[in-house]
C-alpha atoms as a PDB file:
ATOM      1  CA  MET A   1       0.000   0.000   0.000  1.00  0.00           C
ATOM      2  CA  MET A   2       1.352   3.392  -0.992  1.00  0.00           C
ATOM      3  CA  LYS A   3       0.322   5.052   2.263  1.00  0.00           C
ATOM      4  CA  HIS A   4       2.889   2.858   4.040  1.00  0.00           C
ATOM      5  CA  GLU A   5       5.749   3.843   1.718  1.00  0.00           C
ATOM      6  CA  SER A   6       8.499   6.189   2.844  1.00  0.00           C
ATOM      7  CA  ILE A   7       8.248   9.808   1.759  1.00  0.00           C
ATOM      8  CA  ASP A   8      11.316   9.313  -0.420  1.00  0.00           C
ATOM      9  CA  THR A   9       9.803   6.300  -2.203  1.00  0.00           C
ATOM     10  CA  PHE A  10       6.474   8.030  -2.759  1.00  0.00           C
ATOM     11  CA  ILE A  11       8.125  11.150  -4.198  1.00  0.00           C
ATOM     12  CA  THR A  12      10.419   9.075  -6.405  1.00  0.00           C
ATOM     13  CA  ASP A  13       7.431   7.118  -7.740  1.00  0.00           C
ATOM     14  CA  LEU A  14       5.486  10.344  -8.211  1.00  0.00           C
ATOM     15  CA  ALA A  15       8.336  11.825 -10.254  1.00  0.00           C
ATOM     16  CA  SER A  16       8.653   8.770 -12.490  1.00  0.00           C
ATOM     17  CA  LYS A  17       6.776   8.158 -15.750  1.00  0.00           C
ATOM     18  CA  THR A  18       4.476   5.586 -14.143  1.00  0.00           C
ATOM     19  CA  PRO A  19       0.896   6.916 -14.012  1.00  0.00           C
ATOM     20  CA  ILE A  20       0.398   6.065 -10.340  1.00  0.00           C
ATOM     21  CA  PRO A  21       0.740   7.703  -7.951  1.00  0.00           C
ATOM     22  CA  GLY A  22      -0.419  10.822  -9.761  1.00  0.00           C
ATOM     23  CA  GLY A  23      -2.297  14.011  -9.074  1.00  0.00           C
ATOM     24  CA  GLY A  24      -5.066  12.260  -7.170  1.00  0.00           C
ATOM     25  CA  GLY A  25      -2.709  10.503  -4.778  1.00  0.00           C
ATOM     26  CA  ALA A  26      -0.675  13.663  -4.334  1.00  0.00           C
ATOM     27  CA  SER A  27      -3.839  15.606  -3.534  1.00  0.00           C
ATOM     28  CA  ALA A  28      -4.913  13.030  -0.966  1.00  0.00           C
ATOM     29  CA  LEU A  29      -1.484  13.181   0.674  1.00  0.00           C
ATOM     30  CA  GLY A  30      -1.574  16.978   0.703  1.00  0.00           C
ATOM     31  CA  GLY A  31      -4.956  16.872   2.370  1.00  0.00           C
ATOM     32  CA  ALA A  32      -3.690  14.434   4.996  1.00  0.00           C
ATOM     33  CA  ILE A  33      -0.748  16.750   5.720  1.00  0.00           C
ATOM     34  CA  GLY A  34      -3.150  19.664   6.092  1.00  0.00           C
ATOM     35  CA  SER A  35      -5.238  17.688   8.573  1.00  0.00           C
ATOM     36  CA  ALA A  36      -2.117  16.618  10.472  1.00  0.00           C
ATOM     37  CA  LEU A  37      -1.023  20.222  10.892  1.00  0.00           C
ATOM     38  CA  GLY A  38      -4.385  20.983  12.452  1.00  0.00           C
ATOM     39  CA  SER A  39      -3.920  18.056  14.811  1.00  0.00           C
ATOM     40  CA  MET A  40      -0.532  19.395  15.865  1.00  0.00           C
ATOM     41  CA  VAL A  41      -2.067  22.733  16.805  1.00  0.00           C
ATOM     42  CA  GLY A  42      -4.865  20.977  18.669  1.00  0.00           C
ATOM     43  CA  ASN A  43      -2.431  18.836  20.632  1.00  0.00           C
ATOM     44  CA  LEU A  44      -0.352  21.892  21.510  1.00  0.00           C
ATOM     45  CA  THR A  45      -3.516  23.563  22.815  1.00  0.00           C
ATOM     46  CA  LEU A  46      -4.502  20.755  25.190  1.00  0.00           C
ATOM     47  CA  GLY A  47      -3.499  21.316  28.797  1.00  0.00           C
ATOM     48  CA  LYS A  48      -3.002  25.064  28.426  1.00  0.00           C
ATOM     49  CA  LYS A  49      -4.841  27.000  31.154  1.00  0.00           C
ATOM     50  CA  LYS A  50      -5.491  29.852  28.759  1.00  0.00           C
ATOM     51  CA  TYR A  51      -7.538  27.528  26.542  1.00  0.00           C
ATOM     52  CA  ALA A  52      -9.146  25.341  29.208  1.00  0.00           C
ATOM     53  CA  GLN A  53     -12.636  26.441  28.166  1.00  0.00           C
ATOM     54  CA  TYR A  54     -12.006  25.017  24.686  1.00  0.00           C
ATOM     55  CA  GLU A  55     -10.508  21.701  25.772  1.00  0.00           C
ATOM     56  CA  PRO A  56     -13.651  19.585  25.174  1.00  0.00           C
ATOM     57  CA  ASP A  57     -14.047  21.196  21.750  1.00  0.00           C
ATOM     58  CA  ILE A  58     -10.373  20.665  20.891  1.00  0.00           C
ATOM     59  CA  ARG A  59     -10.559  16.985  21.816  1.00  0.00           C
ATOM     60  CA  LEU A  60     -13.548  16.569  19.519  1.00  0.00           C
ATOM     61  CA  LEU A  61     -11.747  18.400  16.709  1.00  0.00           C
ATOM     62  CA  LEU A  62      -8.705  16.170  17.182  1.00  0.00           C
ATOM     63  CA  ASP A  63     -10.839  13.043  16.841  1.00  0.00           C
ATOM     64  CA  LYS A  64     -12.355  14.382  13.640  1.00  0.00           C
ATOM     65  CA  LEU A  65      -8.991  15.421  12.203  1.00  0.00           C
ATOM     66  CA  SER A  66      -7.423  12.060  13.005  1.00  0.00           C
ATOM     67  CA  LYS A  67     -10.225  10.227  11.223  1.00  0.00           C
ATOM     68  CA  ASN A  68     -10.058  12.634   8.281  1.00  0.00           C
ATOM     69  CA  GLN A  69      -6.306  12.173   7.997  1.00  0.00           C
ATOM     70  CA  GLU A  70      -6.594   8.368   7.886  1.00  0.00           C
ATOM     71  CA  GLU A  71      -9.393   8.538   5.323  1.00  0.00           C
ATOM     72  CA  LEU A  72      -7.337  10.781   3.069  1.00  0.00           C
ATOM     73  CA  LEU A  73      -4.311   8.497   3.321  1.00  0.00           C
ATOM     74  CA  ALA A  74      -6.507   5.524   2.392  1.00  0.00           C
ATOM     75  CA  LEU A  75      -7.669   7.456  -0.674  1.00  0.00           C
ATOM     76  CA  ILE A  76      -4.109   7.429  -2.054  1.00  0.00           C
ATOM     77  CA  ASP A  77      -4.416   3.710  -2.713  1.00  0.00           C
ATOM     78  CA  LYS A  78      -8.079   3.965  -3.614  1.00  0.00           C
ATOM     79  CA  ASP A  79      -7.227   6.504  -6.314  1.00  0.00           C
ATOM     80  CA  ALA A  80      -4.561   4.217  -7.750  1.00  0.00           C
ATOM     81  CA  THR A  81      -6.996   1.292  -7.771  1.00  0.00           C
ATOM     82  CA  ALA A  82      -9.628   3.351  -9.580  1.00  0.00           C
ATOM     83  CA  PHE A  83      -7.135   4.394 -12.249  1.00  0.00           C
ATOM     84  CA  GLU A  84      -6.183   0.855 -13.276  1.00  0.00           C
ATOM     85  CA  PRO A  85      -9.490  -0.007 -15.067  1.00  0.00           C
ATOM     86  CA  LEU A  86      -9.355   3.365 -16.813  1.00  0.00           C
ATOM     87  CA  SER A  87      -5.835   2.712 -18.065  1.00  0.00           C
ATOM     88  CA  GLU A  88      -6.890  -0.730 -19.271  1.00  0.00           C
ATOM     89  CA  ALA A  89      -9.961   0.706 -21.003  1.00  0.00           C
ATOM     90  CA  TYR A  90      -7.870   3.173 -22.994  1.00  0.00           C
ATOM     91  CA  ALA A  91      -5.692   0.284 -24.182  1.00  0.00           C
ATOM     92  CA  LEU A  92      -8.589  -1.807 -25.516  1.00  0.00           C
ATOM     93  CA  PRO A  93      -8.611  -2.436 -29.283  1.00  0.00           C
ATOM     94  CA  LYS A  94     -10.997  -0.549 -31.562  1.00  0.00           C
ATOM     95  CA  ASN A  95     -10.370  -2.174 -34.913  1.00  0.00           C
ATOM     96  CA  THR A  96     -13.976  -3.198 -35.525  1.00  0.00           C
ATOM     97  CA  GLU A  97     -17.353  -1.629 -34.819  1.00  0.00           C
ATOM     98  CA  GLU A  98     -17.943  -4.252 -32.142  1.00  0.00           C
ATOM     99  CA  GLU A  99     -14.581  -3.588 -30.485  1.00  0.00           C
ATOM    100  CA  LEU A 100     -15.163   0.162 -30.631  1.00  0.00           C
ATOM    101  CA  ALA A 101     -18.621  -0.121 -29.028  1.00  0.00           C
ATOM    102  CA  ARG A 102     -17.236  -2.387 -26.308  1.00  0.00           C
ATOM    103  CA  LYS A 103     -14.340  -0.015 -25.639  1.00  0.00           C
ATOM    104  CA  GLU A 104     -16.595   3.018 -25.411  1.00  0.00           C
ATOM    105  CA  ASN A 105     -18.935   1.258 -22.993  1.00  0.00           C
ATOM    106  CA  ILE A 106     -16.114   0.101 -20.711  1.00  0.00           C
ATOM    107  CA  LEU A 107     -14.343   3.448 -20.949  1.00  0.00           C
ATOM    108  CA  GLU A 108     -17.464   5.372 -19.997  1.00  0.00           C
ATOM    109  CA  LYS A 109     -17.911   3.303 -16.847  1.00  0.00           C
ATOM    110  CA  ALA A 110     -14.215   3.593 -15.985  1.00  0.00           C
ATOM    111  CA  LEU A 111     -14.239   7.367 -16.438  1.00  0.00           C
ATOM    112  CA  TYR A 112     -17.206   7.697 -14.110  1.00  0.00           C
ATOM    113  CA  SER A 113     -15.660   5.453 -11.455  1.00  0.00           C
ATOM    114  CA  ALA A 114     -12.319   7.234 -11.697  1.00  0.00           C
ATOM    115  CA  SER A 115     -14.082  10.548 -11.025  1.00  0.00           C
ATOM    116  CA  LEU A 116     -15.605   9.389  -7.754  1.00  0.00           C
ATOM    117  CA  VAL A 117     -12.363   9.028  -5.787  1.00  0.00           C
ATOM    118  CA  PRO A 118     -11.053  12.563  -6.415  1.00  0.00           C
ATOM    119  CA  LEU A 119     -14.557  13.795  -5.655  1.00  0.00           C
ATOM    120  CA  GLU A 120     -14.334  11.961  -2.332  1.00  0.00           C
ATOM    121  CA  ILE A 121     -10.962  13.603  -1.701  1.00  0.00           C
ATOM    122  CA  MET A 122     -12.638  16.960  -2.276  1.00  0.00           C
ATOM    123  CA  HIS A 123     -15.367  16.172   0.251  1.00  0.00           C
ATOM    124  CA  LYS A 124     -12.766  15.162   2.846  1.00  0.00           C
ATOM    125  CA  THR A 125     -10.745  18.339   2.328  1.00  0.00           C
ATOM    126  CA  VAL A 126     -13.798  20.556   2.736  1.00  0.00           C
ATOM    127  CA  LYS A 127     -14.673  18.703   5.933  1.00  0.00           C
ATOM    128  CA  ALA A 128     -11.138  19.282   7.214  1.00  0.00           C
ATOM    129  CA  LEU A 129     -11.298  22.958   6.278  1.00  0.00           C
ATOM    130  CA  LEU A 130     -14.434  23.386   8.382  1.00  0.00           C
ATOM    131  CA  ILE A 131     -12.577  21.856  11.327  1.00  0.00           C
ATOM    132  CA  GLN A 132      -9.577  24.125  10.757  1.00  0.00           C
ATOM    133  CA  GLU A 133     -11.914  27.110  10.671  1.00  0.00           C
ATOM    134  CA  GLU A 134     -13.043  26.351  14.220  1.00  0.00           C
ATOM    135  CA  LEU A 135      -9.482  25.580  15.273  1.00  0.00           C
ATOM    136  CA  SER A 136      -8.312  28.973  14.023  1.00  0.00           C
ATOM    137  CA  HIS A 137     -10.410  30.570  16.772  1.00  0.00           C
ATOM    138  CA  LYS A 138      -9.786  28.062  19.579  1.00  0.00           C
ATOM    139  CA  GLY A 139      -6.228  26.840  18.999  1.00  0.00           C
ATOM    140  CA  THR A 140      -3.146  28.126  20.769  1.00  0.00           C
ATOM    141  CA  ARG A 141      -1.890  31.357  19.240  1.00  0.00           C
ATOM    142  CA  ILE A 142       1.758  30.257  19.481  1.00  0.00           C
ATOM    143  CA  ALA A 143       1.162  27.776  16.664  1.00  0.00           C
ATOM    144  CA  ILE A 144      -1.771  29.371  14.876  1.00  0.00           C
ATOM    145  CA  SER A 145       0.375  29.956  11.783  1.00  0.00           C
ATOM    146  CA  ASP A 146       0.347  26.176  11.273  1.00  0.00           C
ATOM    147  CA  VAL A 147      -3.432  26.264  10.908  1.00  0.00           C
ATOM    148  CA  ALA A 148      -2.870  28.716   8.051  1.00  0.00           C
ATOM    149  CA  VAL A 149      -0.300  26.356   6.523  1.00  0.00           C
ATOM    150  CA  GLY A 150      -2.739  23.481   6.957  1.00  0.00           C
ATOM    151  CA  VAL A 151      -5.578  25.238   5.171  1.00  0.00           C
ATOM    152  CA  GLN A 152      -3.282  26.027   2.252  1.00  0.00           C
ATOM    153  CA  PHE A 153      -2.393  22.337   1.919  1.00  0.00           C
ATOM    154  CA  LEU A 154      -6.088  21.499   2.042  1.00  0.00           C
ATOM    155  CA  ARG A 155      -6.931  24.205  -0.490  1.00  0.00           C
ATOM    156  CA  ALA A 156      -4.326  22.837  -2.878  1.00  0.00           C
ATOM    157  CA  ALA A 157      -5.595  19.290  -2.305  1.00  0.00           C
ATOM    158  CA  LEU A 158      -9.145  20.408  -3.048  1.00  0.00           C
ATOM    159  CA  LEU A 159      -8.232  22.121  -6.302  1.00  0.00           C
ATOM    160  CA  GLY A 160      -5.801  19.383  -7.283  1.00  0.00           C
ATOM    161  CA  ALA A 161      -8.404  16.669  -6.852  1.00  0.00           C
ATOM    162  CA  SER A 162     -10.877  18.696  -8.890  1.00  0.00           C
ATOM    163  CA  MET A 163      -8.532  18.481 -11.891  1.00  0.00           C
ATOM    164  CA  ASN A 164      -8.827  14.689 -11.775  1.00  0.00           C
ATOM    165  CA  VAL A 165     -12.594  15.001 -11.808  1.00  0.00           C
ATOM    166  CA  PHE A 166     -12.634  17.447 -14.711  1.00  0.00           C
ATOM    167  CA  ILE A 167     -10.165  15.587 -16.914  1.00  0.00           C
ATOM    168  CA  ASN A 168     -12.350  12.481 -16.661  1.00  0.00           C
ATOM    169  CA  THR A 169     -15.704  14.192 -17.126  1.00  0.00           C
ATOM    170  CA  LYS A 170     -14.382  15.982 -20.215  1.00  0.00           C
ATOM    171  CA  SER A 171     -14.055  12.594 -21.954  1.00  0.00           C
ATOM    172  CA  MET A 172     -17.418  11.219 -20.845  1.00  0.00           C
ATOM    173  CA  LYS A 173     -20.082  10.824 -23.517  1.00  0.00           C
ATOM    174  CA  ASN A 174     -22.908  10.776 -20.970  1.00  0.00           C
ATOM    175  CA  ARG A 175     -23.058  14.519 -20.452  1.00  0.00           C
ATOM    176  CA  ASP A 176     -25.787  14.270 -17.806  1.00  0.00           C
ATOM    177  CA  ASN A 177     -23.440  12.280 -15.577  1.00  0.00           C
ATOM    178  CA  ALA A 178     -20.543  14.572 -16.430  1.00  0.00           C
ATOM    179  CA  ASP A 179     -22.558  17.696 -15.641  1.00  0.00           C
ATOM    180  CA  LYS A 180     -23.663  16.288 -12.270  1.00  0.00           C
ATOM    181  CA  LEU A 181     -20.092  15.470 -11.302  1.00  0.00           C
ATOM    182  CA  ASN A 182     -18.847  18.857 -12.500  1.00  0.00           C
ATOM    183  CA  LYS A 183     -21.600  20.645 -10.584  1.00  0.00           C
ATOM    184  CA  GLU A 184     -20.743  18.827  -7.364  1.00  0.00           C
ATOM    185  CA  ALA A 185     -17.035  19.517  -7.829  1.00  0.00           C
ATOM    186  CA  ASN A 186     -17.602  23.202  -8.540  1.00  0.00           C
ATOM    187  CA  GLU A 187     -19.798  23.584  -5.462  1.00  0.00           C
ATOM    188  CA  LEU A 188     -17.071  21.997  -3.323  1.00  0.00           C
ATOM    189  CA  ILE A 189     -14.461  24.307  -4.851  1.00  0.00           C
ATOM    190  CA  GLN A 190     -16.566  27.366  -4.114  1.00  0.00           C
ATOM    191  CA  LYS A 191     -17.265  26.311  -0.534  1.00  0.00           C
ATOM    192  CA  GLY A 192     -13.786  25.051   0.275  1.00  0.00           C
ATOM    193  CA  THR A 193     -11.750  27.895  -1.216  1.00  0.00           C
ATOM    194  CA  ALA A 194     -13.974  30.446   0.531  1.00  0.00           C
ATOM    195  CA  ILE A 195     -13.285  28.791   3.899  1.00  0.00           C
ATOM    196  CA  ALA A 196      -9.563  28.441   3.195  1.00  0.00           C
ATOM    197  CA  ASP A 197      -9.163  32.041   2.084  1.00  0.00           C
ATOM    198  CA  THR A 198     -11.153  33.367   5.045  1.00  0.00           C
ATOM    199  CA  VAL A 199      -9.171  31.358   7.588  1.00  0.00           C
ATOM    200  CA  TYR A 200      -5.833  32.230   6.002  1.00  0.00           C
ATOM    201  CA  GLN A 201      -6.639  35.948   5.929  1.00  0.00           C
ATOM    202  CA  TYR A 202      -7.939  35.872   9.501  1.00  0.00           C
ATOM    203  CA  ILE A 203      -4.691  34.348  10.728  1.00  0.00           C
ATOM    204  CA  LEU A 204      -2.540  36.574   8.533  1.00  0.00           C
ATOM    205  CA  ASP A 205      -4.253  39.678   9.906  1.00  0.00           C
ATOM    206  CA  SER A 206      -3.563  38.477  13.437  1.00  0.00           C
ATOM    207  CA  LEU A 207       0.153  38.132  12.726  1.00  0.00           C
ATOM    208  CA  ILE A 208       1.019  41.339  10.901  1.00  0.00           C
END
């Protein structure tokens, strides 16, 4: 499983000409890093008298971030698994009308399935951004800059994953399905980037 590889191995594989890991896996990893940074700030907040009133909230946020981080890491492998049928579909022969029809049918299904994992990554990053938004107000100020770093990782993961949705939907012949996926992705982009930008600016304003 790729999530158990060393950072060096993952980056080396990412830099190679092999198609996996690719942008989807990198986005999932970026999202997991963003969640982990939030967890660090939460853990640094626990036990501080100044933030005692927020301790129950912080513990709940930490539980959510930990779960989100694990789910995003699992999506690295899930994204790779979803890509394999798509790669195989593109390689199918199309020398006859029958082969072409079969290829188009298989490819359409593979494109749809391959869009669902990056869409799931997008949902997870938006969920993490909502958590970071609360953490930006309740976390220790000595490490609040790391919440800002975390939301930028999550923002990049959100937008990165969206590219994997859009490149697949562009090739889909069923435009109803493609439009539904695009609509969902665009709504997540709008919601997530708004949260990320608001949190980042809030923290930036508190530091300068």
